[in-house]
Amino acid sequence: MKYTLVVKKGQNGFLIGELKEFPAVFTQGTSLAELKENIVDALEMYLEDLRETYQPCGEMIEEEELVFA
């Protein structure tokens, strides 16, 4: 899947990054490379938290893990 990284100039030389598709996922870094690494980590933590707190409604028929390249 493709996501859009919005980069803004922060204070003290930091770059602030936010995923347009997931506004709750944001981080910072001192370089663009560091920011990209950090945003991947932030997205992984966000999705992990969603998985842990997910409470489906109704009877589950099937569960399957999908991998998007």
C-alpha atoms as a PDB file:
ATOM      1  CA  MET A   1       0.000   0.000   0.000  1.00  0.00           C
ATOM      2  CA  LYS A   2       1.092   3.554  -0.554  1.00  0.00           C
ATOM      3  CA  TYR A   3       0.792   6.280   2.047  1.00  0.00           C
ATOM      4  CA  THR A   4       1.394  10.011   1.807  1.00  0.00           C
ATOM      5  CA  LEU A   5       3.994  11.454   4.180  1.00  0.00           C
ATOM      6  CA  VAL A   6       3.374  15.144   4.877  1.00  0.00           C
ATOM      7  CA  VAL A   7       6.571  16.819   6.084  1.00  0.00           C
ATOM      8  CA  LYS A   8       6.663  20.145   7.908  1.00  0.00           C
ATOM      9  CA  LYS A   9       9.561  22.116   9.309  1.00  0.00           C
ATOM     10  CA  GLY A  10       9.591  21.971  13.095  1.00  0.00           C
ATOM     11  CA  GLN A  11      11.633  23.793  15.688  1.00  0.00           C
ATOM     12  CA  ASN A  12      15.320  23.275  16.470  1.00  0.00           C
ATOM     13  CA  GLY A  13      16.067  21.639  13.114  1.00  0.00           C
ATOM     14  CA  PHE A  14      13.484  18.869  13.424  1.00  0.00           C
ATOM     15  CA  LEU A  15      11.204  17.695  10.634  1.00  0.00           C
ATOM     16  CA  ILE A  16       7.654  16.741  11.600  1.00  0.00           C
ATOM     17  CA  GLY A  17       5.967  13.988   9.595  1.00  0.00           C
ATOM     18  CA  GLU A  18       2.344  12.869   9.475  1.00  0.00           C
ATOM     19  CA  LEU A  19       0.629  10.240   7.340  1.00  0.00           C
ATOM     20  CA  LYS A  20      -2.175  11.879   5.384  1.00  0.00           C
ATOM     21  CA  GLU A  21      -4.232   8.675   5.419  1.00  0.00           C
ATOM     22  CA  PHE A  22      -3.695   8.172   9.178  1.00  0.00           C
ATOM     23  CA  PRO A  23      -3.579  11.618  10.874  1.00  0.00           C
ATOM     24  CA  ALA A  24      -3.025   9.948  14.247  1.00  0.00           C
ATOM     25  CA  VAL A  25       0.341   8.640  12.984  1.00  0.00           C
ATOM     26  CA  PHE A  26       3.016  11.301  13.308  1.00  0.00           C
ATOM     27  CA  THR A  27       6.627  11.600  14.419  1.00  0.00           C
ATOM     28  CA  GLN A  28       9.751  13.686  14.028  1.00  0.00           C
ATOM     29  CA  GLY A  29      13.347  13.351  12.876  1.00  0.00           C
ATOM     30  CA  THR A  30      16.459  15.410  12.280  1.00  0.00           C
ATOM     31  CA  SER A  31      16.722  14.292   8.636  1.00  0.00           C
ATOM     32  CA  LEU A  32      14.312  13.032   6.007  1.00  0.00           C
ATOM     33  CA  ALA A  33      15.833   9.547   6.207  1.00  0.00           C
ATOM     34  CA  GLU A  34      15.387   9.437   9.985  1.00  0.00           C
ATOM     35  CA  LEU A  35      11.843  10.784   9.669  1.00  0.00           C
ATOM     36  CA  LYS A  36      10.935   8.032   7.184  1.00  0.00           C
ATOM     37  CA  GLU A  37      12.312   5.341   9.507  1.00  0.00           C
ATOM     38  CA  ASN A  38      10.415   6.828  12.438  1.00  0.00           C
ATOM     39  CA  ILE A  39       7.111   7.084  10.550  1.00  0.00           C
ATOM     40  CA  VAL A  40       7.304   3.387   9.635  1.00  0.00           C
ATOM     41  CA  ASP A  41       7.831   2.553  13.313  1.00  0.00           C
ATOM     42  CA  ALA A  42       4.972   4.843  14.333  1.00  0.00           C
ATOM     43  CA  LEU A  43       2.603   3.223  11.812  1.00  0.00           C
ATOM     44  CA  GLU A  44       3.555  -0.269  12.994  1.00  0.00           C
ATOM     45  CA  MET A  45       2.868   0.703  16.625  1.00  0.00           C
ATOM     46  CA  TYR A  46      -0.441   2.335  15.669  1.00  0.00           C
ATOM     47  CA  LEU A  47      -1.635  -0.746  13.766  1.00  0.00           C
ATOM     48  CA  GLU A  48      -0.455  -3.074  16.525  1.00  0.00           C
ATOM     49  CA  ASP A  49      -2.473  -1.082  19.048  1.00  0.00           C
ATOM     50  CA  LEU A  50      -5.555  -1.261  16.799  1.00  0.00           C
ATOM     51  CA  ARG A  51      -5.185  -5.044  16.518  1.00  0.00           C
ATOM     52  CA  GLU A  52      -4.939  -5.426  20.300  1.00  0.00           C
ATOM     53  CA  THR A  53      -8.045  -3.351  20.984  1.00  0.00           C
ATOM     54  CA  TYR A  54     -10.176  -4.575  18.056  1.00  0.00           C
ATOM     55  CA  GLN A  55     -13.531  -5.900  19.196  1.00  0.00           C
ATOM     56  CA  PRO A  56     -15.527  -7.243  16.223  1.00  0.00           C
ATOM     57  CA  CYS A  57     -19.308  -7.101  16.285  1.00  0.00           C
ATOM     58  CA  GLY A  58     -21.203 -10.257  15.442  1.00  0.00           C
ATOM     59  CA  GLU A  59     -20.007 -13.813  14.968  1.00  0.00           C
ATOM     60  CA  MET A  60     -16.587 -14.191  13.361  1.00  0.00           C
ATOM     61  CA  ILE A  61     -16.702 -16.550  10.396  1.00  0.00           C
ATOM     62  CA  GLU A  62     -13.074 -16.442   9.335  1.00  0.00           C
ATOM     63  CA  GLU A  63      -9.814 -14.652  10.087  1.00  0.00           C
ATOM     64  CA  GLU A  64      -7.020 -14.403   7.548  1.00  0.00           C
ATOM     65  CA  GLU A  65      -3.796 -12.415   7.549  1.00  0.00           C
ATOM     66  CA  LEU A  66      -3.165 -10.425   4.367  1.00  0.00           C
ATOM     67  CA  VAL A  67       0.210  -9.004   3.386  1.00  0.00           C
ATOM     68  CA  PHE A  68       0.337  -5.902   1.202  1.00  0.00           C
ATOM     69  CA  ALA A  69       3.560  -5.273  -0.656  1.00  0.00           C
END
